[in-house]
Protein backbone atom coordinates (compact mmCIF):
# COMPACT_ATOMS: atom_id res chain seq x y z
CA UNK A 1 0.00 0.00 0.00
CA UNK A 2 1.14 3.51 -0.79
CA UNK A 3 2.81 5.22 2.20
CA UNK A 4 0.77 8.39 1.56
CA UNK A 5 -2.41 6.33 1.72
CA UNK A 6 -1.32 4.87 5.05
CA UNK A 7 -0.74 8.40 6.38
CA UNK A 8 -4.20 9.42 5.18
CA UNK A 9 -5.76 6.45 6.98
CA UNK A 10 -3.96 7.31 10.22
CA UNK A 11 -5.40 10.85 10.09
CA UNK A 12 -8.89 9.58 9.26
CA UNK A 13 -8.79 7.25 12.26
CA UNK A 14 -8.37 10.35 14.46
CA UNK A 15 -11.55 12.11 13.29
CA UNK A 16 -13.83 12.19 16.34
CA UNK A 17 -17.20 10.48 16.16
CA UNK A 18 -19.85 13.00 15.16
CA UNK A 19 -17.36 15.18 13.27
CA UNK A 20 -16.24 15.34 9.63
CA UNK A 21 -13.33 16.69 7.64
CA UNK A 22 -12.44 17.23 4.00
CA UNK A 23 -10.06 15.65 1.53
CA UNK A 24 -8.24 18.98 1.25
CA UNK A 25 -7.82 19.42 5.01
CA UNK A 26 -6.18 16.01 5.23
CA UNK A 27 -3.91 16.74 2.25
CA UNK A 28 -2.85 20.08 3.71
CA UNK A 29 -2.15 18.54 7.12
CA UNK A 30 0.07 15.93 5.48
CA UNK A 31 2.08 18.65 3.73
CA UNK A 32 0.55 17.95 0.33
CA UNK A 33 -1.71 20.95 -0.13
CA UNK A 34 -3.37 20.64 -3.50
CA UNK A 35 -3.50 16.84 -3.29
CA UNK A 36 -7.12 16.52 -2.22
CA UNK A 37 -7.77 14.27 -5.21
CA UNK A 38 -5.02 11.88 -4.06
CA UNK A 39 -6.65 11.75 -0.63
CA UNK A 40 -9.89 10.93 -2.44
CA UNK A 41 -8.22 8.03 -4.22
CA UNK A 42 -6.96 6.76 -0.87
CA UNK A 43 -10.46 7.02 0.56
CA UNK A 44 -11.90 5.10 -2.40
CA UNK A 45 -9.84 2.14 -1.25
CA UNK A 46 -10.45 2.68 2.47
CA UNK A 47 -13.96 1.27 2.47
CA UNK A 48 -12.54 -2.24 2.64
CA UNK A 49 -10.66 -1.29 5.83
CA UNK A 50 -12.94 -1.80 8.81
CA UNK A 51 -11.03 0.52 11.16
CA UNK A 52 -11.01 3.58 8.84
CA UNK A 53 -14.15 5.73 9.27
CA UNK A 54 -14.23 6.81 5.62
CA UNK A 55 -17.77 8.15 5.98
CA UNK A 56 -16.36 11.13 7.91
CA UNK A 57 -14.40 12.47 4.92
CA UNK A 58 -16.31 14.79 2.60
CA UNK A 59 -15.57 17.32 -0.09
CA UNK A 60 -14.85 20.95 0.83
CA UNK A 61 -18.55 21.86 0.63
CA UNK A 62 -19.70 19.07 2.93
CA UNK A 63 -21.06 16.94 0.11
CA UNK A 64 -21.07 13.16 0.36
CA UNK A 65 -19.04 12.91 -2.84
CA UNK A 66 -17.70 9.46 -1.96
CA UNK A 67 -21.06 7.84 -1.24
CA UNK A 68 -20.95 5.69 -4.37
CA UNK A 69 -17.96 3.80 -2.93
CA UNK A 70 -20.04 2.44 -0.06
CA UNK A 71 -21.99 -0.84 -0.20
CA UNK A 72 -25.30 0.96 -0.78
CA UNK A 73 -26.17 4.48 -2.00
CA UNK A 74 -27.40 5.46 1.46
CA UNK A 75 -24.76 3.77 3.65
CA UNK A 76 -22.51 6.83 4.02
CA UNK A 77 -25.44 9.04 5.02
CA UNK A 78 -26.73 6.43 7.46
CA UNK A 79 -23.33 6.13 9.16
CA UNK A 80 -23.15 9.92 9.56
CA UNK A 81 -26.72 10.14 10.85
CA UNK A 82 -25.97 7.35 13.33
CA UNK A 83 -23.33 9.71 14.76
CA UNK A 84 -25.81 12.60 15.05
CA UNK A 85 -24.88 14.43 11.85
CA UNK A 86 -27.77 15.76 9.77
CA UNK A 87 -27.56 15.16 6.02
CA UNK A 88 -29.97 16.76 3.53
CA UNK A 89 -29.69 16.19 -0.22
CA UNK A 90 -26.29 14.51 0.18
CA UNK A 91 -24.87 17.50 2.08
CA UNK A 92 -23.99 17.81 5.77
CA UNK A 93 -25.98 20.55 7.48
CA UNK A 94 -24.00 22.91 9.69
CA UNK A 95 -20.83 21.67 8.02
CA UNK A 96 -18.78 24.46 9.61
CA UNK A 97 -19.93 23.40 13.08
CA UNK A 98 -19.17 19.69 12.72
CA UNK A 99 -15.99 20.21 10.67
CA UNK A 100 -12.83 18.88 12.30
CA UNK A 101 -9.44 20.06 11.18
CA UNK A 102 -6.46 17.72 11.56
CA UNK A 103 -4.55 20.84 12.58
CA UNK A 104 -6.32 20.53 15.93
CA UNK A 105 -3.77 17.77 16.60
CA UNK A 106 -0.91 20.26 16.60
PDB file of N, CA and C in Angstrom:
ATOM      1  N   UNK A   1       0.844  -1.187   0.000  1.00  0.00           N
ATOM      2  CA  UNK A   1       0.000   0.000   0.000  1.00  0.00           C
ATOM      3  C   UNK A   1       0.885   1.245   0.000  1.00  0.00           C
ATOM      4  N   UNK A   2       0.444   2.241  -0.684  1.00  0.00           N
ATOM      5  CA  UNK A   2       1.140   3.514  -0.787  1.00  0.00           C
ATOM      6  C   UNK A   2       1.321   4.132   0.604  1.00  0.00           C
ATOM      7  N   UNK A   3       2.524   4.614   0.916  1.00  0.00           N
ATOM      8  CA  UNK A   3       2.814   5.218   2.205  1.00  0.00           C
ATOM      9  C   UNK A   3       1.914   6.435   2.453  1.00  0.00           C
ATOM     10  N   UNK A   4       1.662   7.240   1.412  1.00  0.00           N
ATOM     11  CA  UNK A   4       0.772   8.391   1.557  1.00  0.00           C
ATOM     12  C   UNK A   4      -0.622   7.917   1.977  1.00  0.00           C
ATOM     13  N   UNK A   5      -1.094   6.863   1.360  1.00  0.00           N
ATOM     14  CA  UNK A   5      -2.408   6.330   1.719  1.00  0.00           C
ATOM     15  C   UNK A   5      -2.434   5.928   3.190  1.00  0.00           C
ATOM     16  N   UNK A   6      -1.387   5.284   3.648  1.00  0.00           N
ATOM     17  CA  UNK A   6      -1.316   4.873   5.051  1.00  0.00           C
ATOM     18  C   UNK A   6      -1.372   6.088   5.967  1.00  0.00           C
ATOM     19  N   UNK A   7      -0.697   7.169   5.588  1.00  0.00           N
ATOM     20  CA  UNK A   7      -0.736   8.402   6.376  1.00  0.00           C
ATOM     21  C   UNK A   7      -2.149   8.976   6.398  1.00  0.00           C
ATOM     22  N   UNK A   8      -2.816   8.953   5.256  1.00  0.00           N
ATOM     23  CA  UNK A   8      -4.200   9.420   5.177  1.00  0.00           C
ATOM     24  C   UNK A   8      -5.065   8.617   6.145  1.00  0.00           C
ATOM     25  N   UNK A   9      -4.939   7.302   6.122  1.00  0.00           N
ATOM     26  CA  UNK A   9      -5.762   6.450   6.976  1.00  0.00           C
ATOM     27  C   UNK A   9      -5.509   6.728   8.457  1.00  0.00           C
ATOM     28  N   UNK A  10      -4.268   6.999   8.812  1.00  0.00           N
ATOM     29  CA  UNK A  10      -3.963   7.306  10.215  1.00  0.00           C
ATOM     30  C   UNK A  10      -4.649   8.600  10.653  1.00  0.00           C
ATOM     31  N   UNK A  11      -4.701   9.600   9.767  1.00  0.00           N
ATOM     32  CA  UNK A  11      -5.396  10.853  10.094  1.00  0.00           C
ATOM     33  C   UNK A  11      -6.897  10.596  10.200  1.00  0.00           C
ATOM     34  N   UNK A  12      -7.453   9.857   9.261  1.00  0.00           N
ATOM     35  CA  UNK A  12      -8.889   9.584   9.257  1.00  0.00           C
ATOM     36  C   UNK A  12      -9.310   8.854  10.531  1.00  0.00           C
ATOM     37  N   UNK A  13      -8.483   7.981  11.028  1.00  0.00           N
ATOM     38  CA  UNK A  13      -8.794   7.253  12.264  1.00  0.00           C
ATOM     39  C   UNK A  13      -8.917   8.197  13.464  1.00  0.00           C
ATOM     40  N   UNK A  14      -8.351   9.391  13.362  1.00  0.00           N
ATOM     41  CA  UNK A  14      -8.366  10.352  14.461  1.00  0.00           C
ATOM     42  C   UNK A  14      -9.589  11.273  14.449  1.00  0.00           C
ATOM     43  N   UNK A  15     -10.370  11.251  13.371  1.00  0.00           N
ATOM     44  CA  UNK A  15     -11.549  12.110  13.295  1.00  0.00           C
ATOM     45  C   UNK A  15     -12.535  11.665  14.372  1.00  0.00           C
ATOM     46  N   UNK A  16     -12.907  12.584  15.266  1.00  0.00           N
ATOM     47  CA  UNK A  16     -13.827  12.193  16.340  1.00  0.00           C
ATOM     48  C   UNK A  16     -15.204  11.795  15.807  1.00  0.00           C
ATOM     49  N   UNK A  17     -15.829  10.887  16.495  1.00  0.00           N
ATOM     50  CA  UNK A  17     -17.196  10.477  16.162  1.00  0.00           C
ATOM     51  C   UNK A  17     -18.086  11.722  16.204  1.00  0.00           C
ATOM     52  N   UNK A  18     -18.952  11.850  15.203  1.00  0.00           N
ATOM     53  CA  UNK A  18     -19.848  13.001  15.157  1.00  0.00           C
ATOM     54  C   UNK A  18     -19.234  14.234  14.520  1.00  0.00           C
ATOM     55  N   UNK A  19     -18.042  14.079  13.960  1.00  0.00           N
ATOM     56  CA  UNK A  19     -17.356  15.183  13.273  1.00  0.00           C
ATOM     57  C   UNK A  19     -16.959  14.707  11.884  1.00  0.00           C
ATOM     58  N   UNK A  20     -16.663  15.650  10.998  1.00  0.00           N
ATOM     59  CA  UNK A  20     -16.245  15.339   9.631  1.00  0.00           C
ATOM     60  C   UNK A  20     -15.085  16.237   9.239  1.00  0.00           C
ATOM     61  N   UNK A  21     -14.387  15.849   8.190  1.00  0.00           N
ATOM     62  CA  UNK A  21     -13.327  16.686   7.641  1.00  0.00           C
ATOM     63  C   UNK A  21     -13.385  16.575   6.122  1.00  0.00           C
ATOM     64  N   UNK A  22     -12.449  17.234   5.462  1.00  0.00           N
ATOM     65  CA  UNK A  22     -12.444  17.228   3.998  1.00  0.00           C
ATOM     66  C   UNK A  22     -11.161  16.603   3.464  1.00  0.00           C
ATOM     67  N   UNK A  23     -11.235  16.210   2.207  1.00  0.00           N
ATOM     68  CA  UNK A  23     -10.061  15.653   1.530  1.00  0.00           C
ATOM     69  C   UNK A  23      -8.916  16.672   1.574  1.00  0.00           C
ATOM     70  N   UNK A  24      -9.248  17.928   1.289  1.00  0.00           N
ATOM     71  CA  UNK A  24      -8.237  18.982   1.246  1.00  0.00           C
ATOM     72  C   UNK A  24      -7.586  19.248   2.594  1.00  0.00           C
ATOM     73  N   UNK A  25      -8.380  19.192   3.670  1.00  0.00           N
ATOM     74  CA  UNK A  25      -7.825  19.420   5.011  1.00  0.00           C
ATOM     75  C   UNK A  25      -6.812  18.337   5.361  1.00  0.00           C
ATOM     76  N   UNK A  26      -7.110  17.111   4.971  1.00  0.00           N
ATOM     77  CA  UNK A  26      -6.176  16.014   5.228  1.00  0.00           C
ATOM     78  C   UNK A  26      -4.908  16.200   4.404  1.00  0.00           C
ATOM     79  N   UNK A  27      -5.067  16.526   3.123  1.00  0.00           N
ATOM     80  CA  UNK A  27      -3.908  16.738   2.249  1.00  0.00           C
ATOM     81  C   UNK A  27      -3.014  17.844   2.790  1.00  0.00           C
ATOM     82  N   UNK A  28      -3.619  18.950   3.177  1.00  0.00           N
ATOM     83  CA  UNK A  28      -2.854  20.078   3.706  1.00  0.00           C
ATOM     84  C   UNK A  28      -2.101  19.694   4.975  1.00  0.00           C
ATOM     85  N   UNK A  29      -2.776  18.979   5.873  1.00  0.00           N
ATOM     86  CA  UNK A  29      -2.154  18.540   7.116  1.00  0.00           C
ATOM     87  C   UNK A  29      -0.939  17.659   6.854  1.00  0.00           C
ATOM     88  N   UNK A  30      -1.028  16.840   5.813  1.00  0.00           N
ATOM     89  CA  UNK A  30       0.075  15.931   5.484  1.00  0.00           C
ATOM     90  C   UNK A  30       1.163  16.602   4.649  1.00  0.00           C
ATOM     91  N   UNK A  31       1.050  17.917   4.467  1.00  0.00           N
ATOM     92  CA  UNK A  31       2.082  18.655   3.729  1.00  0.00           C
ATOM     93  C   UNK A  31       1.958  18.524   2.227  1.00  0.00           C
ATOM     94  N   UNK A  32       0.782  18.126   1.765  1.00  0.00           N
ATOM     95  CA  UNK A  32       0.548  17.949   0.329  1.00  0.00           C
ATOM     96  C   UNK A  32      -0.637  18.789  -0.126  1.00  0.00           C
ATOM     97  N   UNK A  33      -0.626  20.060   0.275  1.00  0.00           N
ATOM     98  CA  UNK A  33      -1.712  20.950  -0.127  1.00  0.00           C
ATOM     99  C   UNK A  33      -1.884  20.879  -1.638  1.00  0.00           C
ATOM    100  N   UNK A  34      -3.101  20.790  -2.078  1.00  0.00           N
ATOM    101  CA  UNK A  34      -3.366  20.642  -3.498  1.00  0.00           C
ATOM    102  C   UNK A  34      -3.507  19.192  -3.928  1.00  0.00           C
ATOM    103  N   UNK A  35      -3.395  18.274  -2.974  1.00  0.00           N
ATOM    104  CA  UNK A  35      -3.499  16.842  -3.288  1.00  0.00           C
ATOM    105  C   UNK A  35      -4.787  16.228  -2.757  1.00  0.00           C
ATOM    106  N   UNK A  36      -5.839  17.027  -2.713  1.00  0.00           N
ATOM    107  CA  UNK A  36      -7.120  16.521  -2.217  1.00  0.00           C
ATOM    108  C   UNK A  36      -7.586  15.327  -3.047  1.00  0.00           C
ATOM    109  N   UNK A  37      -7.345  15.373  -4.339  1.00  0.00           N
ATOM    110  CA  UNK A  37      -7.773  14.272  -5.211  1.00  0.00           C
ATOM    111  C   UNK A  37      -7.047  12.971  -4.834  1.00  0.00           C
ATOM    112  N   UNK A  38      -5.770  13.066  -4.470  1.00  0.00           N
ATOM    113  CA  UNK A  38      -5.016  11.885  -4.059  1.00  0.00           C
ATOM    114  C   UNK A  38      -5.588  11.316  -2.757  1.00  0.00           C
ATOM    115  N   UNK A  39      -5.993  12.205  -1.853  1.00  0.00           N
ATOM    116  CA  UNK A  39      -6.654  11.748  -0.627  1.00  0.00           C
ATOM    117  C   UNK A  39      -7.950  11.030  -0.994  1.00  0.00           C
ATOM    118  N   UNK A  40      -8.664  11.569  -1.965  1.00  0.00           N
ATOM    119  CA  UNK A  40      -9.890  10.929  -2.437  1.00  0.00           C
ATOM    120  C   UNK A  40      -9.640   9.531  -2.958  1.00  0.00           C
ATOM    121  N   UNK A  41      -8.562   9.368  -3.712  1.00  0.00           N
ATOM    122  CA  UNK A  41      -8.222   8.028  -4.223  1.00  0.00           C
ATOM    123  C   UNK A  41      -7.924   7.079  -3.067  1.00  0.00           C
ATOM    124  N   UNK A  42      -7.243   7.594  -2.052  1.00  0.00           N
ATOM    125  CA  UNK A  42      -6.959   6.765  -0.872  1.00  0.00           C
ATOM    126  C   UNK A  42      -8.266   6.352  -0.200  1.00  0.00           C
ATOM    127  N   UNK A  43      -9.199   7.313  -0.100  1.00  0.00           N
ATOM    128  CA  UNK A  43     -10.462   7.016   0.560  1.00  0.00           C
ATOM    129  C   UNK A  43     -11.300   6.021  -0.253  1.00  0.00           C
ATOM    130  N   UNK A  44     -11.179   6.061  -1.562  1.00  0.00           N
ATOM    131  CA  UNK A  44     -11.903   5.098  -2.401  1.00  0.00           C
ATOM    132  C   UNK A  44     -11.530   3.671  -2.039  1.00  0.00           C
ATOM    133  N   UNK A  45     -10.304   3.478  -1.611  1.00  0.00           N
ATOM    134  CA  UNK A  45      -9.838   2.138  -1.248  1.00  0.00           C
ATOM    135  C   UNK A  45     -10.015   1.838   0.235  1.00  0.00           C
ATOM    136  N   UNK A  46     -10.354   2.851   1.017  1.00  0.00           N
ATOM    137  CA  UNK A  46     -10.450   2.681   2.468  1.00  0.00           C
ATOM    138  C   UNK A  46     -11.694   1.932   2.912  1.00  0.00           C
ATOM    139  N   UNK A  47     -12.694   1.865   2.060  1.00  0.00           N
ATOM    140  CA  UNK A  47     -13.961   1.268   2.471  1.00  0.00           C
ATOM    141  C   UNK A  47     -13.836  -0.215   2.796  1.00  0.00           C
ATOM    142  N   UNK A  48     -12.789  -0.836   2.318  1.00  0.00           N
ATOM    143  CA  UNK A  48     -12.544  -2.242   2.638  1.00  0.00           C
ATOM    144  C   UNK A  48     -11.847  -2.392   3.995  1.00  0.00           C
ATOM    145  N   UNK A  49     -11.372  -1.283   4.543  1.00  0.00           N
ATOM    146  CA  UNK A  49     -10.663  -1.294   5.826  1.00  0.00           C
ATOM    147  C   UNK A  49     -11.650  -0.969   6.947  1.00  0.00           C
ATOM    148  N   UNK A  50     -11.922  -1.922   7.777  1.00  0.00           N
ATOM    149  CA  UNK A  50     -12.935  -1.796   8.814  1.00  0.00           C
ATOM    150  C   UNK A  50     -12.634  -0.674   9.808  1.00  0.00           C
ATOM    151  N   UNK A  51     -11.378  -0.440  10.121  1.00  0.00           N
ATOM    152  CA  UNK A  51     -11.027   0.524  11.161  1.00  0.00           C
ATOM    153  C   UNK A  51     -10.831   1.951  10.655  1.00  0.00           C
ATOM    154  N   UNK A  52     -11.146   2.228   9.395  1.00  0.00           N
ATOM    155  CA  UNK A  52     -11.006   3.578   8.835  1.00  0.00           C
ATOM    156  C   UNK A  52     -12.409   4.148   8.610  1.00  0.00           C
ATOM    157  N   UNK A  53     -12.810   5.163   9.405  1.00  0.00           N
ATOM    158  CA  UNK A  53     -14.153   5.729   9.269  1.00  0.00           C
ATOM    159  C   UNK A  53     -14.260   6.656   8.053  1.00  0.00           C
ATOM    160  N   UNK A  54     -14.242   6.059   6.885  1.00  0.00           N
ATOM    161  CA  UNK A  54     -14.229   6.813   5.621  1.00  0.00           C
ATOM    162  C   UNK A  54     -15.453   7.703   5.455  1.00  0.00           C
ATOM    163  N   UNK A  55     -16.544   7.359   6.114  1.00  0.00           N
ATOM    164  CA  UNK A  55     -17.769   8.152   5.976  1.00  0.00           C
ATOM    165  C   UNK A  55     -17.610   9.562   6.533  1.00  0.00           C
ATOM    166  N   UNK A  56     -16.584   9.812   7.307  1.00  0.00           N
ATOM    167  CA  UNK A  56     -16.360  11.131   7.908  1.00  0.00           C
ATOM    168  C   UNK A  56     -15.550  12.066   7.024  1.00  0.00           C
ATOM    169  N   UNK A  57     -15.190  11.631   5.835  1.00  0.00           N
ATOM    170  CA  UNK A  57     -14.398  12.467   4.924  1.00  0.00           C
ATOM    171  C   UNK A  57     -15.280  12.893   3.752  1.00  0.00           C
ATOM    172  N   UNK A  58     -15.413  14.207   3.591  1.00  0.00           N
ATOM    173  CA  UNK A  58     -16.310  14.791   2.604  1.00  0.00           C
ATOM    174  C   UNK A  58     -15.548  15.758   1.702  1.00  0.00           C
ATOM    175  N   UNK A  59     -16.244  16.290   0.710  1.00  0.00           N
ATOM    176  CA  UNK A  59     -15.574  17.316  -0.090  1.00  0.00           C
ATOM    177  C   UNK A  59     -15.626  18.644   0.656  1.00  0.00           C
ATOM    178  N   UNK A  60     -15.003  19.666   0.121  1.00  0.00           N
ATOM    179  CA  UNK A  60     -14.850  20.946   0.827  1.00  0.00           C
ATOM    180  C   UNK A  60     -16.160  21.665   1.097  1.00  0.00           C
ATOM    181  N   UNK A  61     -17.240  21.244   0.429  1.00  0.00           N
ATOM    182  CA  UNK A  61     -18.552  21.856   0.632  1.00  0.00           C
ATOM    183  C   UNK A  61     -19.456  21.018   1.526  1.00  0.00           C
ATOM    184  N   UNK A  62     -18.916  19.943   2.061  1.00  0.00           N
ATOM    185  CA  UNK A  62     -19.701  19.075   2.928  1.00  0.00           C
ATOM    186  C   UNK A  62     -20.580  18.097   2.188  1.00  0.00           C
ATOM    187  N   UNK A  63     -20.288  17.887   0.912  1.00  0.00           N
ATOM    188  CA  UNK A  63     -21.061  16.936   0.112  1.00  0.00           C
ATOM    189  C   UNK A  63     -20.537  15.519   0.275  1.00  0.00           C
ATOM    190  N   UNK A  64     -21.425  14.570   0.249  1.00  0.00           N
ATOM    191  CA  UNK A  64     -21.069  13.157   0.357  1.00  0.00           C
ATOM    192  C   UNK A  64     -20.606  12.653  -1.016  1.00  0.00           C
ATOM    193  N   UNK A  65     -19.523  13.214  -1.486  1.00  0.00           N
ATOM    194  CA  UNK A  65     -19.043  12.913  -2.839  1.00  0.00           C
ATOM    195  C   UNK A  65     -18.519  11.489  -2.981  1.00  0.00           C
ATOM    196  N   UNK A  66     -18.207  10.827  -1.885  1.00  0.00           N
ATOM    197  CA  UNK A  66     -17.697   9.458  -1.956  1.00  0.00           C
ATOM    198  C   UNK A  66     -18.743   8.393  -1.698  1.00  0.00           C
ATOM    199  N   UNK A  67     -20.005   8.785  -1.636  1.00  0.00           N
ATOM    200  CA  UNK A  67     -21.061   7.836  -1.237  1.00  0.00           C
ATOM    201  C   UNK A  67     -21.185   6.634  -2.165  1.00  0.00           C
ATOM    202  N   UNK A  68     -20.826   6.802  -3.424  1.00  0.00           N
ATOM    203  CA  UNK A  68     -20.954   5.688  -4.368  1.00  0.00           C
ATOM    204  C   UNK A  68     -19.910   4.594  -4.155  1.00  0.00           C
ATOM    205  N   UNK A  69     -18.967   4.823  -3.240  1.00  0.00           N
ATOM    206  CA  UNK A  69     -17.964   3.801  -2.933  1.00  0.00           C
ATOM    207  C   UNK A  69     -18.365   2.931  -1.739  1.00  0.00           C
ATOM    208  N   UNK A  70     -19.538   3.226  -1.181  1.00  0.00           N
ATOM    209  CA  UNK A  70     -20.037   2.444  -0.055  1.00  0.00           C
ATOM    210  C   UNK A  70     -20.927   1.321  -0.574  1.00  0.00           C
ATOM    211  N   UNK A  71     -21.206   0.322   0.254  1.00  0.00           N
ATOM    212  CA  UNK A  71     -21.986  -0.842  -0.197  1.00  0.00           C
ATOM    213  C   UNK A  71     -23.358  -0.500  -0.786  1.00  0.00           C
ATOM    214  N   UNK A  72     -24.006   0.533  -0.243  1.00  0.00           N
ATOM    215  CA  UNK A  72     -25.303   0.961  -0.778  1.00  0.00           C
ATOM    216  C   UNK A  72     -25.266   2.480  -0.956  1.00  0.00           C
ATOM    217  N   UNK A  73     -26.152   3.029  -1.766  1.00  0.00           N
ATOM    218  CA  UNK A  73     -26.168   4.481  -2.000  1.00  0.00           C
ATOM    219  C   UNK A  73     -26.452   5.326  -0.757  1.00  0.00           C
ATOM    220  N   UNK A  74     -27.057   4.710   0.261  1.00  0.00           N
ATOM    221  CA  UNK A  74     -27.402   5.465   1.464  1.00  0.00           C
ATOM    222  C   UNK A  74     -26.521   5.135   2.668  1.00  0.00           C
ATOM    223  N   UNK A  75     -25.574   4.236   2.508  1.00  0.00           N
ATOM    224  CA  UNK A  75     -24.759   3.774   3.647  1.00  0.00           C
ATOM    225  C   UNK A  75     -23.945   4.904   4.276  1.00  0.00           C
ATOM    226  N   UNK A  76     -23.331   5.745   3.476  1.00  0.00           N
ATOM    227  CA  UNK A  76     -22.513   6.832   4.017  1.00  0.00           C
ATOM    228  C   UNK A  76     -23.377   7.784   4.846  1.00  0.00           C
ATOM    229  N   UNK A  77     -24.529   8.162   4.300  1.00  0.00           N
ATOM    230  CA  UNK A  77     -25.440   9.043   5.022  1.00  0.00           C
ATOM    231  C   UNK A  77     -25.909   8.396   6.315  1.00  0.00           C
ATOM    232  N   UNK A  78     -26.246   7.123   6.263  1.00  0.00           N
ATOM    233  CA  UNK A  78     -26.727   6.432   7.457  1.00  0.00           C
ATOM    234  C   UNK A  78     -25.663   6.407   8.552  1.00  0.00           C
ATOM    235  N   UNK A  79     -24.423   6.149   8.176  1.00  0.00           N
ATOM    236  CA  UNK A  79     -23.334   6.134   9.161  1.00  0.00           C
ATOM    237  C   UNK A  79     -23.174   7.504   9.812  1.00  0.00           C
ATOM    238  N   UNK A  80     -23.261   8.569   9.020  1.00  0.00           N
ATOM    239  CA  UNK A  80     -23.150   9.922   9.564  1.00  0.00           C
ATOM    240  C   UNK A  80     -24.335  10.235  10.480  1.00  0.00           C
ATOM    241  N   UNK A  81     -25.529   9.885  10.037  1.00  0.00           N
ATOM    242  CA  UNK A  81     -26.718  10.144  10.850  1.00  0.00           C
ATOM    243  C   UNK A  81     -26.686   9.349  12.149  1.00  0.00           C
ATOM    244  N   UNK A  82     -26.122   8.156  12.114  1.00  0.00           N
ATOM    245  CA  UNK A  82     -25.971   7.348  13.330  1.00  0.00           C
ATOM    246  C   UNK A  82     -25.075   8.046  14.350  1.00  0.00           C
ATOM    247  N   UNK A  83     -24.230   8.959  13.872  1.00  0.00           N
ATOM    248  CA  UNK A  83     -23.334   9.714  14.758  1.00  0.00           C
ATOM    249  C   UNK A  83     -23.911  11.085  15.101  1.00  0.00           C
ATOM    250  N   UNK A  84     -25.157  11.348  14.705  1.00  0.00           N
ATOM    251  CA  UNK A  84     -25.808  12.600  15.050  1.00  0.00           C
ATOM    252  C   UNK A  84     -25.625  13.721  14.048  1.00  0.00           C
ATOM    253  N   UNK A  85     -25.099  13.421  12.881  1.00  0.00           N
ATOM    254  CA  UNK A  85     -24.878  14.432  11.847  1.00  0.00           C
ATOM    255  C   UNK A  85     -26.091  14.438  10.910  1.00  0.00           C
ATOM    256  N   UNK A  86     -26.612  15.621  10.649  1.00  0.00           N
ATOM    257  CA  UNK A  86     -27.768  15.757   9.774  1.00  0.00           C
ATOM    258  C   UNK A  86     -27.311  15.923   8.330  1.00  0.00           C
ATOM    259  N   UNK A  87     -27.893  15.123   7.445  1.00  0.00           N
ATOM    260  CA  UNK A  87     -27.562  15.163   6.019  1.00  0.00           C
ATOM    261  C   UNK A  87     -28.850  15.413   5.239  1.00  0.00           C
ATOM    262  N   UNK A  88     -28.823  16.449   4.377  1.00  0.00           N
ATOM    263  CA  UNK A  88     -29.965  16.764   3.533  1.00  0.00           C
ATOM    264  C   UNK A  88     -29.472  16.897   2.102  1.00  0.00           C
ATOM    265  N   UNK A  89     -30.092  16.159   1.195  1.00  0.00           N
ATOM    266  CA  UNK A  89     -29.695  16.195  -0.223  1.00  0.00           C
ATOM    267  C   UNK A  89     -28.197  15.943  -0.406  1.00  0.00           C
ATOM    268  N   UNK A  90     -27.697  14.920   0.280  1.00  0.00           N
ATOM    269  CA  UNK A  90     -26.290  14.513   0.178  1.00  0.00           C
ATOM    270  C   UNK A  90     -25.301  15.563   0.682  1.00  0.00           C
ATOM    271  N   UNK A  91     -25.761  16.478   1.531  1.00  0.00           N
ATOM    272  CA  UNK A  91     -24.869  17.500   2.082  1.00  0.00           C
ATOM    273  C   UNK A  91     -25.069  17.590   3.595  1.00  0.00           C
ATOM    274  N   UNK A  92     -23.953  17.688   4.317  1.00  0.00           N
ATOM    275  CA  UNK A  92     -23.994  17.805   5.772  1.00  0.00           C
ATOM    276  C   UNK A  92     -24.469  19.205   6.143  1.00  0.00           C
ATOM    277  N   UNK A  93     -25.505  19.264   6.978  1.00  0.00           N
ATOM    278  CA  UNK A  93     -25.975  20.550   7.476  1.00  0.00           C
ATOM    279  C   UNK A  93     -25.047  21.015   8.583  1.00  0.00           C
ATOM    280  N   UNK A  94     -24.900  22.318   8.692  1.00  0.00           N
ATOM    281  CA  UNK A  94     -24.004  22.909   9.692  1.00  0.00           C
ATOM    282  C   UNK A  94     -22.591  22.360   9.561  1.00  0.00           C
ATOM    283  N   UNK A  95     -22.153  22.226   8.313  1.00  0.00           N
ATOM    284  CA  UNK A  95     -20.827  21.672   8.022  1.00  0.00           C
ATOM    285  C   UNK A  95     -19.732  22.375   8.813  1.00  0.00           C
ATOM    286  N   UNK A  96     -19.807  23.707   8.892  1.00  0.00           N
ATOM    287  CA  UNK A  96     -18.777  24.459   9.608  1.00  0.00           C
ATOM    288  C   UNK A  96     -18.749  24.133  11.099  1.00  0.00           C
ATOM    289  N   UNK A  97     -19.872  23.728  11.653  1.00  0.00           N
ATOM    290  CA  UNK A  97     -19.932  23.405  13.083  1.00  0.00           C
ATOM    291  C   UNK A  97     -19.439  21.995  13.404  1.00  0.00           C
ATOM    292  N   UNK A  98     -19.604  21.065  12.466  1.00  0.00           N
ATOM    293  CA  UNK A  98     -19.168  19.687  12.716  1.00  0.00           C
ATOM    294  C   UNK A  98     -17.821  19.392  12.054  1.00  0.00           C
ATOM    295  N   UNK A  99     -17.278  20.392  11.352  1.00  0.00           N
ATOM    296  CA  UNK A  99     -15.991  20.210  10.673  1.00  0.00           C
ATOM    297  C   UNK A  99     -14.873  20.078  11.699  1.00  0.00           C
ATOM    298  N   UNK A 100     -14.012  19.102  11.464  1.00  0.00           N
ATOM    299  CA  UNK A 100     -12.834  18.877  12.303  1.00  0.00           C
ATOM    300  C   UNK A 100     -11.607  19.044  11.446  1.00  0.00           C
ATOM    301  N   UNK A 101     -10.684  19.873  11.909  1.00  0.00           N
ATOM    302  CA  UNK A 101      -9.435  20.060  11.182  1.00  0.00           C
ATOM    303  C   UNK A 101      -8.349  19.219  11.818  1.00  0.00           C
ATOM    304  N   UNK A 102      -7.590  18.474  10.995  1.00  0.00           N
ATOM    305  CA  UNK A 102      -6.462  17.715  11.556  1.00  0.00           C
ATOM    306  C   UNK A 102      -5.451  18.627  12.252  1.00  0.00           C
ATOM    307  N   UNK A 103      -5.475  19.905  11.928  1.00  0.00           N
ATOM    308  CA  UNK A 103      -4.555  20.841  12.580  1.00  0.00           C
ATOM    309  C   UNK A 103      -4.839  20.981  14.070  1.00  0.00           C
ATOM    310  N   UNK A 104      -6.006  20.521  14.501  1.00  0.00           N
ATOM    311  CA  UNK A 104      -6.319  20.531  15.932  1.00  0.00           C
ATOM    312  C   UNK A 104      -5.383  19.599  16.693  1.00  0.00           C
ATOM    313  N   UNK A 105      -4.713  18.710  15.972  1.00  0.00           N
ATOM    314  CA  UNK A 105      -3.773  17.766  16.601  1.00  0.00           C
ATOM    315  C   UNK A 105      -2.462  18.441  16.999  1.00  0.00           C
ATOM    316  N   UNK A 106      -2.215  19.587  16.386  1.00  0.00           N
ATOM    317  CA  UNK A 106      -0.914  20.263  16.598  1.00  0.00           C
ATOM    318  C   UNK A 106      -0.975  21.123  17.838  1.00  0.00           C
TER     319      UNK A 106
END
